[in-house]
Amino acid sequence: MSSGSLGRQLVACLLNVSEARRKDLVDTVAKAALYSTEGVRREGTTVLNIFNDHDYNRSVITIVASINSIREVVLSACEKACGLIDMRAHMGVHPCMGAVDLIPIYPLGDEVGVEDCAKEARAVAHGLTERVPGTSAFLFGWADSPLQRGLAQRRKEMGWFKKTPDLQDIRPDVGPQPQKRFGLTGVGASPYVMNCNVTIDTQDIAMGRSIATAIRESTAGGLPGVQVLALPHEGAVEIACNVESVKGNPPSHLTSGGPWPSFSIDGQPYCHAPASLITERVAELAGRQGVGTKGTALVGFTPRECRGLAELALSQGIAEFWKEQRRIRM
């Protein structure tokens, strides 16, 4: 990712909150990242995108700020979310455990190091539990020192994938025993993770799960960095993929879907599977069973897009970029 004077030291946080059906509430959370309680705008901060999913009852808010200010920006949004979202009343088909379910911090270039992101993620976890009494968190990725366990592993350990996780069995890394009001929040840092969801034209969840298993990284012949769930969605089945960036150069045998986007962190090369390859693989597997695809949705951006749009937003002084992006990008 190329650097520019406005792009130095930038990081992204794709804040996942357990609410989508009250869009005004989610907008209020996003604005809490951008403005102080007195209404003063935080310089050098922008919200690039808000992705709401009604069936999942989950929103992803793409926040970009400098590594030096990301802590306060994210904590302000989390504090607002925890005051507005009550997990005791939450309903949605997507797994979740917390009012603020996920706080991932990603570097947007070589100017920010791994340890910088890990330090800020740990500070956010501790800050959340201090500012909102009753909240608790687990750590993942670079923030999970020294083991650096991935998000999927940590979620499995915490019972995140269970339909009704037992909060009393959970031992959080930060904060008290999880409470039903706030649940449990995952906080961490890693190379950028893109979300790519492919919808197949069926209501057969068993078929969706077989496709998810086939493309998952842990399966022989699966796609590197791809973590997958199959979920009912708008009368069909969505193959919901977390596309993690993997260290090294793109694998030469998996280029049929186009080039793998690549970048570097601390001088180390990283890349991630392109959405076109994931879509192609899902379409092939579904097609073998006589089922077509209905479309692919990206939640947010690729790492390079995120960096470029952040620099554009900040250069033009646009804080609420999610309201402007369609006009600007078209």
C-alpha atoms as a PDB file:
ATOM      1  CA  MET A   1       0.000   0.000   0.000  1.00  0.00           C
ATOM      2  CA  SER A   2       1.511   3.261  -1.048  1.00  0.00           C
ATOM      3  CA  SER A   3       2.036   5.962   1.543  1.00  0.00           C
ATOM      4  CA  GLY A   4       1.024   9.592   1.448  1.00  0.00           C
ATOM      5  CA  SER A   5       1.427  12.430   3.903  1.00  0.00           C
ATOM      6  CA  LEU A   6      -2.155  11.982   5.053  1.00  0.00           C
ATOM      7  CA  GLY A   7      -1.941   8.207   5.094  1.00  0.00           C
ATOM      8  CA  ARG A   8       0.931   7.721   7.500  1.00  0.00           C
ATOM      9  CA  GLN A   9       0.263   5.754  10.674  1.00  0.00           C
ATOM     10  CA  LEU A  10      -3.288   4.844   9.624  1.00  0.00           C
ATOM     11  CA  VAL A  11      -5.146   1.876  11.068  1.00  0.00           C
ATOM     12  CA  ALA A  12      -8.638   0.549  10.483  1.00  0.00           C
ATOM     13  CA  CYS A  13     -11.127  -0.898  12.945  1.00  0.00           C
ATOM     14  CA  LEU A  14     -14.045  -2.858  11.495  1.00  0.00           C
ATOM     15  CA  LEU A  15     -16.244  -2.527  14.567  1.00  0.00           C
ATOM     16  CA  ASN A  16     -18.919  -5.256  14.752  1.00  0.00           C
ATOM     17  CA  VAL A  17     -21.983  -4.362  16.817  1.00  0.00           C
ATOM     18  CA  SER A  18     -25.022  -6.554  17.495  1.00  0.00           C
ATOM     19  CA  GLU A  19     -27.657  -4.277  15.995  1.00  0.00           C
ATOM     20  CA  ALA A  20     -28.793  -3.549  12.426  1.00  0.00           C
ATOM     21  CA  ARG A  21     -32.561  -3.187  12.553  1.00  0.00           C
ATOM     22  CA  ARG A  22     -32.364   0.221  14.223  1.00  0.00           C
ATOM     23  CA  LYS A  23     -30.125   1.991  11.726  1.00  0.00           C
ATOM     24  CA  ASP A  24     -30.378   5.314  13.528  1.00  0.00           C
ATOM     25  CA  LEU A  25     -28.885   3.654  16.598  1.00  0.00           C
ATOM     26  CA  VAL A  26     -25.959   2.296  14.556  1.00  0.00           C
ATOM     27  CA  ASP A  27     -25.404   5.744  13.014  1.00  0.00           C
ATOM     28  CA  THR A  28     -25.285   7.171  16.551  1.00  0.00           C
ATOM     29  CA  VAL A  29     -22.542   4.676  17.450  1.00  0.00           C
ATOM     30  CA  ALA A  30     -20.577   5.651  14.337  1.00  0.00           C
ATOM     31  CA  LYS A  31     -20.880   9.345  15.130  1.00  0.00           C
ATOM     32  CA  ALA A  32     -19.590   8.712  18.652  1.00  0.00           C
ATOM     33  CA  ALA A  33     -16.300   7.687  17.014  1.00  0.00           C
ATOM     34  CA  LEU A  34     -16.159  10.954  15.085  1.00  0.00           C
ATOM     35  CA  TYR A  35     -17.287  13.560  17.607  1.00  0.00           C
ATOM     36  CA  SER A  36     -16.626  14.227  21.281  1.00  0.00           C
ATOM     37  CA  THR A  37     -19.492  14.339  23.744  1.00  0.00           C
ATOM     38  CA  GLU A  38     -19.434  18.131  23.226  1.00  0.00           C
ATOM     39  CA  GLY A  39     -19.942  17.658  19.494  1.00  0.00           C
ATOM     40  CA  VAL A  40     -16.394  18.594  18.497  1.00  0.00           C
ATOM     41  CA  ARG A  41     -15.116  16.669  15.499  1.00  0.00           C
ATOM     42  CA  ARG A  42     -12.056  14.469  16.027  1.00  0.00           C
ATOM     43  CA  GLU A  43      -9.512  15.440  13.395  1.00  0.00           C
ATOM     44  CA  GLY A  44      -7.909  12.735  11.289  1.00  0.00           C
ATOM     45  CA  THR A  45     -10.793  10.285  11.776  1.00  0.00           C
ATOM     46  CA  THR A  46     -13.362   9.020   9.298  1.00  0.00           C
ATOM     47  CA  VAL A  47     -16.055   6.354   9.101  1.00  0.00           C
ATOM     48  CA  LEU A  48     -15.803   4.909   5.610  1.00  0.00           C
ATOM     49  CA  ASN A  49     -18.709   2.496   5.629  1.00  0.00           C
ATOM     50  CA  ILE A  50     -21.593   1.099   7.670  1.00  0.00           C
ATOM     51  CA  PHE A  51     -22.819  -2.340   6.614  1.00  0.00           C
ATOM     52  CA  ASN A  52     -26.159  -3.330   8.148  1.00  0.00           C
ATOM     53  CA  ASP A  53     -27.612  -6.827   7.838  1.00  0.00           C
ATOM     54  CA  HIS A  54     -31.223  -7.161   8.967  1.00  0.00           C
ATOM     55  CA  ASP A  55     -31.361 -10.975   9.181  1.00  0.00           C
ATOM     56  CA  TYR A  56     -28.072 -11.147  11.067  1.00  0.00           C
ATOM     57  CA  ASN A  57     -29.018  -8.087  13.168  1.00  0.00           C
ATOM     58  CA  ARG A  58     -25.372  -7.130  12.944  1.00  0.00           C
ATOM     59  CA  SER A  59     -23.557  -4.064  11.625  1.00  0.00           C
ATOM     60  CA  VAL A  60     -19.940  -3.472  10.673  1.00  0.00           C
ATOM     61  CA  ILE A  61     -18.647   0.089  11.046  1.00  0.00           C
ATOM     62  CA  THR A  62     -15.383   0.784   9.187  1.00  0.00           C
ATOM     63  CA  ILE A  63     -13.438   3.362  11.213  1.00  0.00           C
ATOM     64  CA  VAL A  64     -10.042   4.753  10.163  1.00  0.00           C
ATOM     65  CA  ALA A  65      -7.777   6.907  12.322  1.00  0.00           C
ATOM     66  CA  SER A  66      -4.113   7.221  13.210  1.00  0.00           C
ATOM     67  CA  ILE A  67      -2.543   4.650  15.508  1.00  0.00           C
ATOM     68  CA  ASN A  68      -2.156   7.398  18.116  1.00  0.00           C
ATOM     69  CA  SER A  69      -5.854   8.246  18.219  1.00  0.00           C
ATOM     70  CA  ILE A  70      -7.580   4.948  17.416  1.00  0.00           C
ATOM     71  CA  ARG A  71      -7.932   4.002  21.095  1.00  0.00           C
ATOM     72  CA  GLU A  72     -10.108   6.947  22.098  1.00  0.00           C
ATOM     73  CA  VAL A  73     -12.037   6.853  18.816  1.00  0.00           C
ATOM     74  CA  VAL A  74     -12.979   3.184  19.203  1.00  0.00           C
ATOM     75  CA  LEU A  75     -13.654   3.362  22.937  1.00  0.00           C
ATOM     76  CA  SER A  76     -16.047   6.277  22.447  1.00  0.00           C
ATOM     77  CA  ALA A  77     -18.010   4.257  19.879  1.00  0.00           C
ATOM     78  CA  CYS A  78     -18.006   1.175  22.115  1.00  0.00           C
ATOM     79  CA  GLU A  79     -19.169   3.130  25.141  1.00  0.00           C
ATOM     80  CA  LYS A  80     -22.094   4.477  23.134  1.00  0.00           C
ATOM     81  CA  ALA A  81     -22.954   1.013  21.739  1.00  0.00           C
ATOM     82  CA  CYS A  82     -22.934  -0.586  25.181  1.00  0.00           C
ATOM     83  CA  GLY A  83     -25.332   2.061  26.416  1.00  0.00           C
ATOM     84  CA  LEU A  84     -27.776   1.438  23.571  1.00  0.00           C
ATOM     85  CA  ILE A  85     -27.636  -2.327  22.873  1.00  0.00           C
ATOM     86  CA  ASP A  86     -28.908  -4.911  25.356  1.00  0.00           C
ATOM     87  CA  MET A  87     -27.934  -8.490  24.501  1.00  0.00           C
ATOM     88  CA  ARG A  88     -30.838  -9.827  26.546  1.00  0.00           C
ATOM     89  CA  ALA A  89     -33.176  -8.563  23.809  1.00  0.00           C
ATOM     90  CA  HIS A  90     -31.010  -9.410  20.803  1.00  0.00           C
ATOM     91  CA  MET A  91     -32.327 -11.682  18.050  1.00  0.00           C
ATOM     92  CA  GLY A  92     -30.489 -12.600  14.823  1.00  0.00           C
ATOM     93  CA  VAL A  93     -29.266 -15.643  12.890  1.00  0.00           C
ATOM     94  CA  HIS A  94     -25.571 -14.708  12.983  1.00  0.00           C
ATOM     95  CA  PRO A  95     -23.535 -15.994  15.944  1.00  0.00           C
ATOM     96  CA  CYS A  96     -22.615 -13.274  18.416  1.00  0.00           C
ATOM     97  CA  MET A  97     -21.778 -12.901  22.081  1.00  0.00           C
ATOM     98  CA  GLY A  98     -21.429  -9.194  22.741  1.00  0.00           C
ATOM     99  CA  ALA A  99     -23.266  -5.903  22.289  1.00  0.00           C
ATOM    100  CA  VAL A 100     -19.923  -4.908  20.821  1.00  0.00           C
ATOM    101  CA  ASP A 101     -19.050  -8.290  19.364  1.00  0.00           C
ATOM    102  CA  LEU A 102     -15.718  -7.637  17.699  1.00  0.00           C
ATOM    103  CA  ILE A 103     -13.024  -4.948  17.771  1.00  0.00           C
ATOM    104  CA  PRO A 104     -10.290  -5.801  15.240  1.00  0.00           C
ATOM    105  CA  ILE A 105      -7.467  -3.339  14.550  1.00  0.00           C
ATOM    106  CA  TYR A 106      -5.647  -3.571  11.216  1.00  0.00           C
ATOM    107  CA  PRO A 107      -2.569  -1.632  10.037  1.00  0.00           C
ATOM    108  CA  LEU A 108      -3.056   0.124   6.701  1.00  0.00           C
ATOM    109  CA  GLY A 109       0.567   0.229   5.637  1.00  0.00           C
ATOM    110  CA  ASP A 110       4.204  -0.274   6.552  1.00  0.00           C
ATOM    111  CA  GLU A 111       4.192   2.880   8.688  1.00  0.00           C
ATOM    112  CA  VAL A 112       2.425   1.019  11.515  1.00  0.00           C
ATOM    113  CA  GLY A 113       4.030  -2.008  13.116  1.00  0.00           C
ATOM    114  CA  VAL A 114       2.593  -5.215  14.475  1.00  0.00           C
ATOM    115  CA  GLU A 115       3.434  -4.397  18.067  1.00  0.00           C
ATOM    116  CA  ASP A 116       1.848  -0.932  17.787  1.00  0.00           C
ATOM    117  CA  CYS A 117      -1.457  -2.512  16.831  1.00  0.00           C
ATOM    118  CA  ALA A 118      -1.174  -5.218  19.496  1.00  0.00           C
ATOM    119  CA  LYS A 119      -0.494  -2.595  22.179  1.00  0.00           C
ATOM    120  CA  GLU A 120      -3.505  -0.495  21.159  1.00  0.00           C
ATOM    121  CA  ALA A 121      -5.809  -3.518  20.989  1.00  0.00           C
ATOM    122  CA  ARG A 122      -4.853  -4.557  24.520  1.00  0.00           C
ATOM    123  CA  ALA A 123      -5.372  -0.976  25.694  1.00  0.00           C
ATOM    124  CA  VAL A 124      -8.824  -0.921  24.081  1.00  0.00           C
ATOM    125  CA  ALA A 125      -9.796  -4.163  25.850  1.00  0.00           C
ATOM    126  CA  HIS A 126      -8.740  -2.796  29.232  1.00  0.00           C
ATOM    127  CA  GLY A 127     -10.251   0.627  28.491  1.00  0.00           C
ATOM    128  CA  LEU A 128     -13.610  -0.890  27.593  1.00  0.00           C
ATOM    129  CA  THR A 129     -13.870  -2.853  30.840  1.00  0.00           C
ATOM    130  CA  GLU A 130     -12.865   0.231  32.840  1.00  0.00           C
ATOM    131  CA  ARG A 131     -15.215   2.683  31.113  1.00  0.00           C
ATOM    132  CA  VAL A 132     -18.195   0.331  30.898  1.00  0.00           C
ATOM    133  CA  PRO A 133     -18.351  -1.656  34.167  1.00  0.00           C
ATOM    134  CA  GLY A 134     -19.640  -5.167  33.550  1.00  0.00           C
ATOM    135  CA  THR A 135     -18.063  -5.605  30.125  1.00  0.00           C
ATOM    136  CA  SER A 136     -15.439  -8.277  29.477  1.00  0.00           C
ATOM    137  CA  ALA A 137     -13.182  -9.240  26.589  1.00  0.00           C
ATOM    138  CA  PHE A 138     -11.022 -11.941  25.054  1.00  0.00           C
ATOM    139  CA  LEU A 139      -7.901 -11.221  23.016  1.00  0.00           C
ATOM    140  CA  PHE A 140      -6.879 -12.632  19.643  1.00  0.00           C
ATOM    141  CA  GLY A 141      -4.200 -12.283  17.008  1.00  0.00           C
ATOM    142  CA  TRP A 142      -1.169 -10.149  17.758  1.00  0.00           C
ATOM    143  CA  ALA A 143      -2.856  -8.870  20.944  1.00  0.00           C
ATOM    144  CA  ASP A 144      -2.988 -12.399  22.368  1.00  0.00           C
ATOM    145  CA  SER A 145       0.570 -12.536  23.661  1.00  0.00           C
ATOM    146  CA  PRO A 146       2.491 -14.808  23.571  1.00  0.00           C
ATOM    147  CA  LEU A 147       0.259 -17.406  21.855  1.00  0.00           C
ATOM    148  CA  GLN A 148      -1.193 -15.116  19.155  1.00  0.00           C
ATOM    149  CA  ARG A 149      -4.176 -17.402  18.619  1.00  0.00           C
ATOM    150  CA  GLY A 150      -6.394 -16.562  15.660  1.00  0.00           C
ATOM    151  CA  LEU A 151      -9.936 -15.228  15.933  1.00  0.00           C
ATOM    152  CA  ALA A 152     -11.609 -18.483  14.860  1.00  0.00           C
ATOM    153  CA  GLN A 153      -9.711 -20.472  17.496  1.00  0.00           C
ATOM    154  CA  ARG A 154     -10.477 -17.985  20.257  1.00  0.00           C
ATOM    155  CA  ARG A 155     -14.151 -17.851  19.321  1.00  0.00           C
ATOM    156  CA  LYS A 156     -14.340 -21.620  19.465  1.00  0.00           C
ATOM    157  CA  GLU A 157     -12.685 -21.621  22.898  1.00  0.00           C
ATOM    158  CA  MET A 158     -15.187 -19.030  24.141  1.00  0.00           C
ATOM    159  CA  GLY A 159     -18.239 -20.869  22.784  1.00  0.00           C
ATOM    160  CA  TRP A 160     -19.043 -18.127  20.240  1.00  0.00           C
ATOM    161  CA  PHE A 161     -20.293 -20.643  17.660  1.00  0.00           C
ATOM    162  CA  LYS A 162     -22.820 -22.205  20.061  1.00  0.00           C
ATOM    163  CA  LYS A 163     -26.462 -21.242  19.647  1.00  0.00           C
ATOM    164  CA  THR A 164     -26.763 -20.400  23.348  1.00  0.00           C
ATOM    165  CA  PRO A 165     -23.292 -20.074  24.895  1.00  0.00           C
ATOM    166  CA  ASP A 166     -23.101 -20.456  28.673  1.00  0.00           C
ATOM    167  CA  LEU A 167     -21.541 -17.238  29.951  1.00  0.00           C
ATOM    168  CA  GLN A 168     -20.763 -18.863  33.309  1.00  0.00           C
ATOM    169  CA  ASP A 169     -18.324 -21.257  31.627  1.00  0.00           C
ATOM    170  CA  ILE A 170     -16.315 -18.452  30.026  1.00  0.00           C
ATOM    171  CA  ARG A 171     -13.049 -17.148  31.444  1.00  0.00           C
ATOM    172  CA  PRO A 172     -12.396 -13.800  29.732  1.00  0.00           C
ATOM    173  CA  ASP A 173      -8.882 -12.402  29.338  1.00  0.00           C
ATOM    174  CA  VAL A 174      -9.940  -8.956  30.558  1.00  0.00           C
ATOM    175  CA  GLY A 175     -12.764  -7.935  32.866  1.00  0.00           C
ATOM    176  CA  PRO A 176     -15.259  -9.858  35.021  1.00  0.00           C
ATOM    177  CA  GLN A 177     -17.390 -12.892  34.236  1.00  0.00           C
ATOM    178  CA  PRO A 178     -19.497 -11.926  31.193  1.00  0.00           C
ATOM    179  CA  GLN A 179     -22.901 -10.473  31.986  1.00  0.00           C
ATOM    180  CA  LYS A 180     -26.011 -11.036  29.880  1.00  0.00           C
ATOM    181  CA  ARG A 181     -26.483  -7.280  29.377  1.00  0.00           C
ATOM    182  CA  PHE A 182     -23.167  -6.742  27.540  1.00  0.00           C
ATOM    183  CA  GLY A 183     -21.996 -10.259  26.701  1.00  0.00           C
ATOM    184  CA  LEU A 184     -18.373 -10.781  25.625  1.00  0.00           C
ATOM    185  CA  THR A 185     -16.254  -8.750  23.209  1.00  0.00           C
ATOM    186  CA  GLY A 186     -13.401 -10.020  21.036  1.00  0.00           C
ATOM    187  CA  VAL A 187     -10.522  -7.533  20.780  1.00  0.00           C
ATOM    188  CA  GLY A 188      -7.415  -8.043  18.718  1.00  0.00           C
ATOM    189  CA  ALA A 189      -5.067  -7.010  15.956  1.00  0.00           C
ATOM    190  CA  SER A 190      -4.021  -8.774  12.772  1.00  0.00           C
ATOM    191  CA  PRO A 191      -3.399  -8.226   9.086  1.00  0.00           C
ATOM    192  CA  TYR A 192      -6.512  -6.933   7.366  1.00  0.00           C
ATOM    193  CA  VAL A 193      -9.520  -9.269   7.222  1.00  0.00           C
ATOM    194  CA  MET A 194     -12.020  -8.821   4.403  1.00  0.00           C
ATOM    195  CA  ASN A 195     -15.582 -10.152   4.563  1.00  0.00           C
ATOM    196  CA  CYS A 196     -16.962 -11.781   1.420  1.00  0.00           C
ATOM    197  CA  ASN A 197     -20.447 -13.314   1.422  1.00  0.00           C
ATOM    198  CA  VAL A 198     -21.746 -15.424  -1.465  1.00  0.00           C
ATOM    199  CA  THR A 199     -25.464 -16.276  -1.579  1.00  0.00           C
ATOM    200  CA  ILE A 200     -26.571 -19.596  -3.089  1.00  0.00           C
ATOM    201  CA  ASP A 201     -30.090 -19.988  -4.429  1.00  0.00           C
ATOM    202  CA  THR A 202     -31.392 -22.626  -2.035  1.00  0.00           C
ATOM    203  CA  GLN A 203     -32.778 -22.954   1.473  1.00  0.00           C
ATOM    204  CA  ASP A 204     -30.847 -26.188   2.030  1.00  0.00           C
ATOM    205  CA  ILE A 205     -28.560 -25.287   4.944  1.00  0.00           C
ATOM    206  CA  ALA A 206     -26.919 -28.737   4.835  1.00  0.00           C
ATOM    207  CA  MET A 207     -25.773 -28.021   1.286  1.00  0.00           C
ATOM    208  CA  GLY A 208     -24.461 -24.648   2.411  1.00  0.00           C
ATOM    209  CA  ARG A 209     -22.508 -26.248   5.231  1.00  0.00           C
ATOM    210  CA  SER A 210     -20.944 -28.783   2.864  1.00  0.00           C
ATOM    211  CA  ILE A 211     -19.780 -25.943   0.608  1.00  0.00           C
ATOM    212  CA  ALA A 212     -18.481 -23.992   3.596  1.00  0.00           C
ATOM    213  CA  THR A 213     -16.500 -27.013   4.737  1.00  0.00           C
ATOM    214  CA  ALA A 214     -15.040 -27.535   1.262  1.00  0.00           C
ATOM    215  CA  ILE A 215     -13.617 -24.010   0.897  1.00  0.00           C
ATOM    216  CA  ARG A 216     -12.555 -23.518   4.525  1.00  0.00           C
ATOM    217  CA  GLU A 217      -8.798 -23.120   5.059  1.00  0.00           C
ATOM    218  CA  SER A 218      -8.653 -26.079   7.476  1.00  0.00           C
ATOM    219  CA  THR A 219      -9.944 -28.482   4.794  1.00  0.00           C
ATOM    220  CA  ALA A 220      -7.515 -30.138   2.385  1.00  0.00           C
ATOM    221  CA  GLY A 221      -7.851 -28.202  -0.855  1.00  0.00           C
ATOM    222  CA  GLY A 222      -9.508 -25.265   0.903  1.00  0.00           C
ATOM    223  CA  LEU A 223      -8.621 -21.624   0.342  1.00  0.00           C
ATOM    224  CA  PRO A 224      -5.799 -20.138   2.469  1.00  0.00           C
ATOM    225  CA  GLY A 225      -7.016 -17.631   5.052  1.00  0.00           C
ATOM    226  CA  VAL A 226     -10.712 -18.311   4.452  1.00  0.00           C
ATOM    227  CA  GLN A 227     -12.929 -18.991   7.495  1.00  0.00           C
ATOM    228  CA  VAL A 228     -16.538 -19.826   6.616  1.00  0.00           C
ATOM    229  CA  LEU A 229     -20.053 -20.139   8.025  1.00  0.00           C
ATOM    230  CA  ALA A 230     -23.219 -21.126   6.150  1.00  0.00           C
ATOM    231  CA  LEU A 231     -26.232 -19.180   7.414  1.00  0.00           C
ATOM    232  CA  PRO A 232     -29.889 -18.776   6.395  1.00  0.00           C
ATOM    233  CA  HIS A 233     -30.255 -15.351   4.827  1.00  0.00           C
ATOM    234  CA  GLU A 234     -33.187 -13.616   3.113  1.00  0.00           C
ATOM    235  CA  GLY A 235     -34.836 -16.852   2.021  1.00  0.00           C
ATOM    236  CA  ALA A 236     -31.598 -18.398   0.730  1.00  0.00           C
ATOM    237  CA  VAL A 237     -28.265 -19.548   2.207  1.00  0.00           C
ATOM    238  CA  GLU A 238     -25.261 -17.267   2.559  1.00  0.00           C
ATOM    239  CA  ILE A 239     -21.709 -18.591   2.522  1.00  0.00           C
ATOM    240  CA  ALA A 240     -20.241 -15.996   4.874  1.00  0.00           C
ATOM    241  CA  CYS A 241     -16.450 -15.788   4.651  1.00  0.00           C
ATOM    242  CA  ASN A 242     -13.866 -14.051   6.789  1.00  0.00           C
ATOM    243  CA  VAL A 243     -10.966 -13.660   4.369  1.00  0.00           C
ATOM    244  CA  GLU A 244      -7.808 -13.351   6.433  1.00  0.00           C
ATOM    245  CA  SER A 245      -4.588 -12.016   4.956  1.00  0.00           C
ATOM    246  CA  VAL A 246      -1.835 -14.627   4.935  1.00  0.00           C
ATOM    247  CA  LYS A 247       1.912 -14.070   5.120  1.00  0.00           C
ATOM    248  CA  GLY A 248       3.900 -14.686   1.969  1.00  0.00           C
ATOM    249  CA  ASN A 249       3.345 -14.412  -1.758  1.00  0.00           C
ATOM    250  CA  PRO A 250       0.152 -15.556  -3.517  1.00  0.00           C
ATOM    251  CA  PRO A 251      -0.010 -19.314  -4.127  1.00  0.00           C
ATOM    252  CA  SER A 252       0.752 -19.992  -7.789  1.00  0.00           C
ATOM    253  CA  HIS A 253      -1.826 -22.784  -8.080  1.00  0.00           C
ATOM    254  CA  LEU A 254      -4.785 -20.611  -7.041  1.00  0.00           C
ATOM    255  CA  THR A 255      -4.797 -17.798  -9.593  1.00  0.00           C
ATOM    256  CA  SER A 256      -7.814 -18.769 -11.702  1.00  0.00           C
ATOM    257  CA  GLY A 257      -9.952 -16.160  -9.949  1.00  0.00           C
ATOM    258  CA  GLY A 258      -7.509 -13.374 -10.739  1.00  0.00           C
ATOM    259  CA  PRO A 259      -4.489 -11.901  -8.932  1.00  0.00           C
ATOM    260  CA  TRP A 260      -4.338 -12.028  -5.152  1.00  0.00           C
ATOM    261  CA  PRO A 261      -4.258  -8.504  -3.659  1.00  0.00           C
ATOM    262  CA  SER A 262      -0.966  -8.050  -1.792  1.00  0.00           C
ATOM    263  CA  PHE A 263       0.641  -5.562   0.611  1.00  0.00           C
ATOM    264  CA  SER A 264       3.302  -5.461   3.307  1.00  0.00           C
ATOM    265  CA  ILE A 265       3.458  -4.997   7.084  1.00  0.00           C
ATOM    266  CA  ASP A 266       6.777  -4.447   8.853  1.00  0.00           C
ATOM    267  CA  GLY A 267       8.440  -5.249   5.525  1.00  0.00           C
ATOM    268  CA  GLN A 268       6.760  -8.686   5.339  1.00  0.00           C
ATOM    269  CA  PRO A 269       4.581  -9.565   2.321  1.00  0.00           C
ATOM    270  CA  TYR A 270       0.918 -10.468   2.848  1.00  0.00           C
ATOM    271  CA  CYS A 271      -1.894 -11.326   0.467  1.00  0.00           C
ATOM    272  CA  HIS A 272      -5.510 -12.486   0.568  1.00  0.00           C
ATOM    273  CA  ALA A 273      -7.793 -14.584  -1.603  1.00  0.00           C
ATOM    274  CA  PRO A 274      -9.722 -12.413  -4.071  1.00  0.00           C
ATOM    275  CA  ALA A 275     -13.515 -12.293  -3.874  1.00  0.00           C
ATOM    276  CA  SER A 276     -13.645 -13.516  -7.480  1.00  0.00           C
ATOM    277  CA  LEU A 277     -11.919 -16.779  -6.530  1.00  0.00           C
ATOM    278  CA  ILE A 278     -14.242 -17.371  -3.573  1.00  0.00           C
ATOM    279  CA  THR A 279     -17.285 -16.679  -5.743  1.00  0.00           C
ATOM    280  CA  GLU A 280     -15.952 -18.993  -8.460  1.00  0.00           C
ATOM    281  CA  ARG A 281     -15.326 -21.822  -5.999  1.00  0.00           C
ATOM    282  CA  VAL A 282     -18.754 -21.496  -4.346  1.00  0.00           C
ATOM    283  CA  ALA A 283     -20.481 -21.356  -7.748  1.00  0.00           C
ATOM    284  CA  GLU A 284     -18.639 -24.483  -8.877  1.00  0.00           C
ATOM    285  CA  LEU A 285     -19.549 -26.470  -5.760  1.00  0.00           C
ATOM    286  CA  ALA A 286     -23.179 -25.315  -5.775  1.00  0.00           C
ATOM    287  CA  GLY A 287     -23.452 -25.966  -9.494  1.00  0.00           C
ATOM    288  CA  ARG A 288     -22.507 -29.600  -9.015  1.00  0.00           C
ATOM    289  CA  GLN A 289     -25.724 -29.912  -7.001  1.00  0.00           C
ATOM    290  CA  GLY A 290     -27.828 -28.016  -9.512  1.00  0.00           C
ATOM    291  CA  VAL A 291     -27.898 -24.761  -7.556  1.00  0.00           C
ATOM    292  CA  GLY A 292     -26.883 -21.307  -8.775  1.00  0.00           C
ATOM    293  CA  THR A 293     -25.559 -18.261  -6.943  1.00  0.00           C
ATOM    294  CA  LYS A 294     -27.524 -15.065  -6.362  1.00  0.00           C
ATOM    295  CA  GLY A 295     -24.645 -12.667  -5.798  1.00  0.00           C
ATOM    296  CA  THR A 296     -21.588 -11.698  -3.793  1.00  0.00           C
ATOM    297  CA  ALA A 297     -21.420  -8.950  -1.171  1.00  0.00           C
ATOM    298  CA  LEU A 298     -18.236  -7.408   0.223  1.00  0.00           C
ATOM    299  CA  VAL A 299     -18.518  -6.008   3.740  1.00  0.00           C
ATOM    300  CA  GLY A 300     -16.361  -2.899   3.609  1.00  0.00           C
ATOM    301  CA  PHE A 301     -13.343  -2.932   1.339  1.00  0.00           C
ATOM    302  CA  THR A 302     -10.141  -4.668   0.364  1.00  0.00           C
ATOM    303  CA  PRO A 303      -7.080  -3.443   2.313  1.00  0.00           C
ATOM    304  CA  ARG A 304      -5.899  -1.299  -0.611  1.00  0.00           C
ATOM    305  CA  GLU A 305      -9.348   0.219  -1.124  1.00  0.00           C
ATOM    306  CA  CYS A 306      -9.615   0.982   2.589  1.00  0.00           C
ATOM    307  CA  ARG A 307      -6.291   2.822   2.578  1.00  0.00           C
ATOM    308  CA  GLY A 308      -7.070   4.753  -0.602  1.00  0.00           C
ATOM    309  CA  LEU A 309     -10.559   5.808   0.462  1.00  0.00           C
ATOM    310  CA  ALA A 310      -9.316   6.820   3.907  1.00  0.00           C
ATOM    311  CA  GLU A 311      -6.717   9.098   2.364  1.00  0.00           C
ATOM    312  CA  LEU A 312      -9.381  10.562   0.079  1.00  0.00           C
ATOM    313  CA  ALA A 313     -11.812  11.140   2.955  1.00  0.00           C
ATOM    314  CA  LEU A 314      -9.183  12.688   5.212  1.00  0.00           C
ATOM    315  CA  SER A 315      -7.744  14.899   2.448  1.00  0.00           C
ATOM    316  CA  GLN A 316     -11.235  16.292   1.822  1.00  0.00           C
ATOM    317  CA  GLY A 317     -12.123  16.531   5.504  1.00  0.00           C
ATOM    318  CA  ILE A 318     -15.066  14.111   5.222  1.00  0.00           C
ATOM    319  CA  ALA A 319     -15.800  12.503   8.585  1.00  0.00           C
ATOM    320  CA  GLU A 320     -19.104  10.791   7.681  1.00  0.00           C
ATOM    321  CA  PHE A 321     -17.747   9.267   4.477  1.00  0.00           C
ATOM    322  CA  TRP A 322     -20.291   6.452   4.505  1.00  0.00           C
ATOM    323  CA  LYS A 323     -22.879   9.023   3.448  1.00  0.00           C
ATOM    324  CA  GLU A 324     -20.686  10.262   0.597  1.00  0.00           C
ATOM    325  CA  GLN A 325     -18.923   7.177  -0.719  1.00  0.00           C
ATOM    326  CA  ARG A 326     -21.471   6.185  -3.353  1.00  0.00           C
ATOM    327  CA  ARG A 327     -21.420   9.645  -4.921  1.00  0.00           C
ATOM    328  CA  ILE A 328     -17.628   9.912  -4.770  1.00  0.00           C
ATOM    329  CA  ARG A 329     -16.845   6.381  -5.994  1.00  0.00           C
ATOM    330  CA  MET A 330     -19.336   6.570  -8.895  1.00  0.00           C
END
